[in-house]
Amino acid sequence: MADELGYKNASTYFNYEKGVCDFKANQLPIICSKLNCTLNELFLYPSFAKIAN
């Protein structure tokens, strides 16, 4: 995911996963594409992590 979002190393992306940093709106379609979901599914499912596996 770090590569897809253009980060040079995974530790930068990890800060986003931990909630230290906020994703930018233009990154959300990339994330949805990699997770094979829509923006609605990403935000409206309370436990998206379970269906992403």
PDB file of N, CA and C in Angstrom:
ATOM      1  N   MET A   1       0.828  -1.181   0.000  1.00  0.00           N
ATOM      2  CA  MET A   1       0.000   0.000   0.000  1.00  0.00           C
ATOM      3  C   MET A   1       0.880   1.257   0.000  1.00  0.00           C
ATOM      4  N   ALA A   2       1.986   1.197   0.717  1.00  0.00           N
ATOM      5  CA  ALA A   2       2.897   2.348   0.765  1.00  0.00           C
ATOM      6  C   ALA A   2       3.384   2.710  -0.630  1.00  0.00           C
ATOM      7  N   ASP A   3       3.716   1.714  -1.429  1.00  0.00           N
ATOM      8  CA  ASP A   3       4.162   1.968  -2.803  1.00  0.00           C
ATOM      9  C   ASP A   3       3.062   2.610  -3.632  1.00  0.00           C
ATOM     10  N   GLU A   4       1.859   2.100  -3.519  1.00  0.00           N
ATOM     11  CA  GLU A   4       0.730   2.613  -4.298  1.00  0.00           C
ATOM     12  C   GLU A   4       0.444   4.082  -3.981  1.00  0.00           C
ATOM     13  N   LEU A   5       0.639   4.463  -2.736  1.00  0.00           N
ATOM     14  CA  LEU A   5       0.370   5.839  -2.325  1.00  0.00           C
ATOM     15  C   LEU A   5       1.571   6.759  -2.526  1.00  0.00           C
ATOM     16  N   GLY A   6       2.680   6.192  -2.981  1.00  0.00           N
ATOM     17  CA  GLY A   6       3.855   7.000  -3.303  1.00  0.00           C
ATOM     18  C   GLY A   6       4.806   7.264  -2.160  1.00  0.00           C
ATOM     19  N   TYR A   7       4.691   6.502  -1.092  1.00  0.00           N
ATOM     20  CA  TYR A   7       5.611   6.684   0.032  1.00  0.00           C
ATOM     21  C   TYR A   7       6.897   5.907  -0.222  1.00  0.00           C
ATOM     22  N   LYS A   8       8.016   6.471   0.204  1.00  0.00           N
ATOM     23  CA  LYS A   8       9.306   5.842  -0.041  1.00  0.00           C
ATOM     24  C   LYS A   8       9.565   4.655   0.874  1.00  0.00           C
ATOM     25  N   ASN A   9       8.897   4.637   2.031  1.00  0.00           N
ATOM     26  CA  ASN A   9       9.070   3.500   2.926  1.00  0.00           C
ATOM     27  C   ASN A   9       7.758   3.192   3.639  1.00  0.00           C
ATOM     28  N   ALA A  10       7.632   1.976   4.083  1.00  0.00           N
ATOM     29  CA  ALA A  10       6.399   1.522   4.716  1.00  0.00           C
ATOM     30  C   ALA A  10       6.160   2.185   6.075  1.00  0.00           C
ATOM     31  N   SER A  11       7.212   2.647   6.724  1.00  0.00           N
ATOM     32  CA  SER A  11       7.029   3.247   8.055  1.00  0.00           C
ATOM     33  C   SER A  11       6.215   4.533   7.974  1.00  0.00           C
ATOM     34  N   THR A  12       6.334   5.248   6.864  1.00  0.00           N
ATOM     35  CA  THR A  12       5.514   6.450   6.682  1.00  0.00           C
ATOM     36  C   THR A  12       4.050   6.070   6.616  1.00  0.00           C
ATOM     37  N   TYR A  13       3.742   5.040   5.816  1.00  0.00           N
ATOM     38  CA  TYR A  13       2.361   4.578   5.697  1.00  0.00           C
ATOM     39  C   TYR A  13       1.846   4.061   7.038  1.00  0.00           C
ATOM     40  N   PHE A  14       2.700   3.442   7.811  1.00  0.00           N
ATOM     41  CA  PHE A  14       2.298   2.898   9.110  1.00  0.00           C
ATOM     42  C   PHE A  14       1.739   3.996  10.019  1.00  0.00           C
ATOM     43  N   ASN A  15       2.281   5.199   9.915  1.00  0.00           N
ATOM     44  CA  ASN A  15       1.747   6.319  10.702  1.00  0.00           C
ATOM     45  C   ASN A  15       0.300   6.621  10.326  1.00  0.00           C
ATOM     46  N   TYR A  16      -0.048   6.425   9.068  1.00  0.00           N
ATOM     47  CA  TYR A  16      -1.435   6.608   8.643  1.00  0.00           C
ATOM     48  C   TYR A  16      -2.311   5.491   9.202  1.00  0.00           C
ATOM     49  N   GLU A  17      -1.806   4.269   9.173  1.00  0.00           N
ATOM     50  CA  GLU A  17      -2.579   3.145   9.716  1.00  0.00           C
ATOM     51  C   GLU A  17      -2.818   3.298  11.210  1.00  0.00           C
ATOM     52  N   LYS A  18      -1.841   3.839  11.924  1.00  0.00           N
ATOM     53  CA  LYS A  18      -1.979   4.034  13.372  1.00  0.00           C
ATOM     54  C   LYS A  18      -2.863   5.222  13.711  1.00  0.00           C
ATOM     55  N   GLY A  19      -3.166   6.074  12.732  1.00  0.00           N
ATOM     56  CA  GLY A  19      -3.981   7.247  12.987  1.00  0.00           C
ATOM     57  C   GLY A  19      -3.189   8.480  13.377  1.00  0.00           C
ATOM     58  N   VAL A  20      -1.872   8.396  13.288  1.00  0.00           N
ATOM     59  CA  VAL A  20      -1.028   9.547  13.595  1.00  0.00           C
ATOM     60  C   VAL A  20      -1.229  10.631  12.535  1.00  0.00           C
ATOM     61  N   CYS A  21      -1.396  10.207  11.283  1.00  0.00           N
ATOM     62  CA  CYS A  21      -1.616  11.113  10.154  1.00  0.00           C
ATOM     63  C   CYS A  21      -2.981  10.811   9.538  1.00  0.00           C
ATOM     64  N   ASP A  22      -3.546  11.797   8.875  1.00  0.00           N
ATOM     65  CA  ASP A  22      -4.822  11.623   8.185  1.00  0.00           C
ATOM     66  C   ASP A  22      -4.582  11.410   6.693  1.00  0.00           C
ATOM     67  N   PHE A  23      -5.377  10.508   6.105  1.00  0.00           N
ATOM     68  CA  PHE A  23      -5.307  10.322   4.667  1.00  0.00           C
ATOM     69  C   PHE A  23      -5.889  11.541   3.974  1.00  0.00           C
ATOM     70  N   LYS A  24      -5.354  11.862   2.815  1.00  0.00           N
ATOM     71  CA  LYS A  24      -5.888  12.947   2.002  1.00  0.00           C
ATOM     72  C   LYS A  24      -6.984  12.388   1.089  1.00  0.00           C
ATOM     73  N   ALA A  25      -7.914  13.235   0.703  1.00  0.00           N
ATOM     74  CA  ALA A  25      -9.051  12.799  -0.102  1.00  0.00           C
ATOM     75  C   ALA A  25      -8.608  12.144  -1.409  1.00  0.00           C
ATOM     76  N   ASN A  26      -7.532  12.621  -2.014  1.00  0.00           N
ATOM     77  CA  ASN A  26      -7.089  12.037  -3.280  1.00  0.00           C
ATOM     78  C   ASN A  26      -6.445  10.658  -3.110  1.00  0.00           C
ATOM     79  N   GLN A  27      -6.155  10.264  -1.887  1.00  0.00           N
ATOM     80  CA  GLN A  27      -5.588   8.940  -1.626  1.00  0.00           C
ATOM     81  C   GLN A  27      -6.678   7.877  -1.472  1.00  0.00           C
ATOM     82  N   LEU A  28      -7.884   8.290  -1.145  1.00  0.00           N
ATOM     83  CA  LEU A  28      -8.948   7.328  -0.860  1.00  0.00           C
ATOM     84  C   LEU A  28      -9.313   6.453  -2.047  1.00  0.00           C
ATOM     85  N   PRO A  29      -9.412   6.971  -3.262  1.00  0.00           N
ATOM     86  CA  PRO A  29      -9.696   6.073  -4.393  1.00  0.00           C
ATOM     87  C   PRO A  29      -8.602   5.029  -4.616  1.00  0.00           C
ATOM     88  N   ILE A  30      -7.364   5.392  -4.352  1.00  0.00           N
ATOM     89  CA  ILE A  30      -6.255   4.437  -4.483  1.00  0.00           C
ATOM     90  C   ILE A  30      -6.407   3.322  -3.455  1.00  0.00           C
ATOM     91  N   ILE A  31      -6.727   3.692  -2.232  1.00  0.00           N
ATOM     92  CA  ILE A  31      -6.920   2.711  -1.164  1.00  0.00           C
ATOM     93  C   ILE A  31      -8.081   1.783  -1.503  1.00  0.00           C
ATOM     94  N   CYS A  32      -9.176   2.356  -1.968  1.00  0.00           N
ATOM     95  CA  CYS A  32     -10.339   1.547  -2.324  1.00  0.00           C
ATOM     96  C   CYS A  32     -10.022   0.589  -3.469  1.00  0.00           C
ATOM     97  N   SER A  33      -9.261   1.057  -4.421  1.00  0.00           N
ATOM     98  CA  SER A  33      -8.883   0.199  -5.540  1.00  0.00           C
ATOM     99  C   SER A  33      -8.069  -1.001  -5.057  1.00  0.00           C
ATOM    100  N   LYS A  34      -7.104  -0.749  -4.191  1.00  0.00           N
ATOM    101  CA  LYS A  34      -6.263  -1.838  -3.656  1.00  0.00           C
ATOM    102  C   LYS A  34      -7.067  -2.796  -2.782  1.00  0.00           C
ATOM    103  N   LEU A  35      -8.055  -2.285  -2.052  1.00  0.00           N
ATOM    104  CA  LEU A  35      -8.866  -3.122  -1.171  1.00  0.00           C
ATOM    105  C   LEU A  35     -10.099  -3.694  -1.876  1.00  0.00           C
ATOM    106  N   ASN A  36     -10.266  -3.307  -3.147  1.00  0.00           N
ATOM    107  CA  ASN A  36     -11.395  -3.782  -3.943  1.00  0.00           C
ATOM    108  C   ASN A  36     -12.733  -3.454  -3.269  1.00  0.00           C
ATOM    109  N   CYS A  37     -12.900  -2.176  -2.945  1.00  0.00           N
ATOM    110  CA  CYS A  37     -14.135  -1.725  -2.304  1.00  0.00           C
ATOM    111  C   CYS A  37     -14.495  -0.339  -2.818  1.00  0.00           C
ATOM    112  N   THR A  38     -15.670   0.126  -2.469  1.00  0.00           N
ATOM    113  CA  THR A  38     -16.092   1.481  -2.804  1.00  0.00           C
ATOM    114  C   THR A  38     -15.833   2.396  -1.607  1.00  0.00           C
ATOM    115  N   LEU A  39     -15.932   3.701  -1.855  1.00  0.00           N
ATOM    116  CA  LEU A  39     -15.778   4.648  -0.742  1.00  0.00           C
ATOM    117  C   LEU A  39     -16.865   4.428   0.301  1.00  0.00           C
ATOM    118  N   ASN A  40     -18.079   4.144  -0.151  1.00  0.00           N
ATOM    119  CA  ASN A  40     -19.167   3.883   0.800  1.00  0.00           C
ATOM    120  C   ASN A  40     -18.853   2.682   1.674  1.00  0.00           C
ATOM    121  N   GLU A  41     -18.358   1.627   1.072  1.00  0.00           N
ATOM    122  CA  GLU A  41     -18.023   0.436   1.861  1.00  0.00           C
ATOM    123  C   GLU A  41     -16.908   0.742   2.855  1.00  0.00           C
ATOM    124  N   LEU A  42     -15.953   1.526   2.431  1.00  0.00           N
ATOM    125  CA  LEU A  42     -14.821   1.858   3.307  1.00  0.00           C
ATOM    126  C   LEU A  42     -15.273   2.628   4.540  1.00  0.00           C
ATOM    127  N   PHE A  43     -16.227   3.536   4.360  1.00  0.00           N
ATOM    128  CA  PHE A  43     -16.646   4.390   5.466  1.00  0.00           C
ATOM    129  C   PHE A  43     -17.887   3.914   6.199  1.00  0.00           C
ATOM    130  N   LEU A  44     -18.730   3.125   5.558  1.00  0.00           N
ATOM    131  CA  LEU A  44     -20.007   2.771   6.167  1.00  0.00           C
ATOM    132  C   LEU A  44     -20.027   1.423   6.869  1.00  0.00           C
ATOM    133  N   TYR A  45     -19.095   0.548   6.560  1.00  0.00           N
ATOM    134  CA  TYR A  45     -19.049  -0.732   7.257  1.00  0.00           C
ATOM    135  C   TYR A  45     -18.282  -0.546   8.563  1.00  0.00           C
ATOM    136  N   PRO A  46     -18.899  -0.886   9.691  1.00  0.00           N
ATOM    137  CA  PRO A  46     -18.219  -0.662  10.976  1.00  0.00           C
ATOM    138  C   PRO A  46     -16.970  -1.523  11.163  1.00  0.00           C
ATOM    139  N   SER A  47     -16.918  -2.664  10.504  1.00  0.00           N
ATOM    140  CA  SER A  47     -15.740  -3.520  10.668  1.00  0.00           C
ATOM    141  C   SER A  47     -15.209  -3.930   9.303  1.00  0.00           C
ATOM    142  N   PHE A  48     -14.803  -2.936   8.510  1.00  0.00           N
ATOM    143  CA  PHE A  48     -14.321  -3.216   7.165  1.00  0.00           C
ATOM    144  C   PHE A  48     -13.131  -4.154   7.182  1.00  0.00           C
ATOM    145  N   ALA A  49     -12.302  -4.086   8.196  1.00  0.00           N
ATOM    146  CA  ALA A  49     -11.119  -4.938   8.263  1.00  0.00           C
ATOM    147  C   ALA A  49     -11.499  -6.410   8.181  1.00  0.00           C
ATOM    148  N   LYS A  50     -12.648  -6.772   8.720  1.00  0.00           N
ATOM    149  CA  LYS A  50     -13.078  -8.167   8.666  1.00  0.00           C
ATOM    150  C   LYS A  50     -13.443  -8.592   7.244  1.00  0.00           C
ATOM    151  N   ILE A  51     -14.069  -7.704   6.464  1.00  0.00           N
ATOM    152  CA  ILE A  51     -14.463  -8.103   5.119  1.00  0.00           C
ATOM    153  C   ILE A  51     -13.319  -7.931   4.135  1.00  0.00           C
ATOM    154  N   ALA A  52     -12.273  -7.197   4.499  1.00  0.00           N
ATOM    155  CA  ALA A  52     -11.126  -6.985   3.614  1.00  0.00           C
ATOM    156  C   ALA A  52     -10.246  -8.231   3.544  1.00  0.00           C
ATOM    157  N   ASN A  53     -10.355  -9.085   4.522  1.00  0.00           N
ATOM    158  CA  ASN A  53      -9.530 -10.303   4.510  1.00  0.00           C
ATOM    159  C   ASN A  53     -10.132 -11.235   3.559  1.00  0.00           C
TER     160      ASN A  53
END
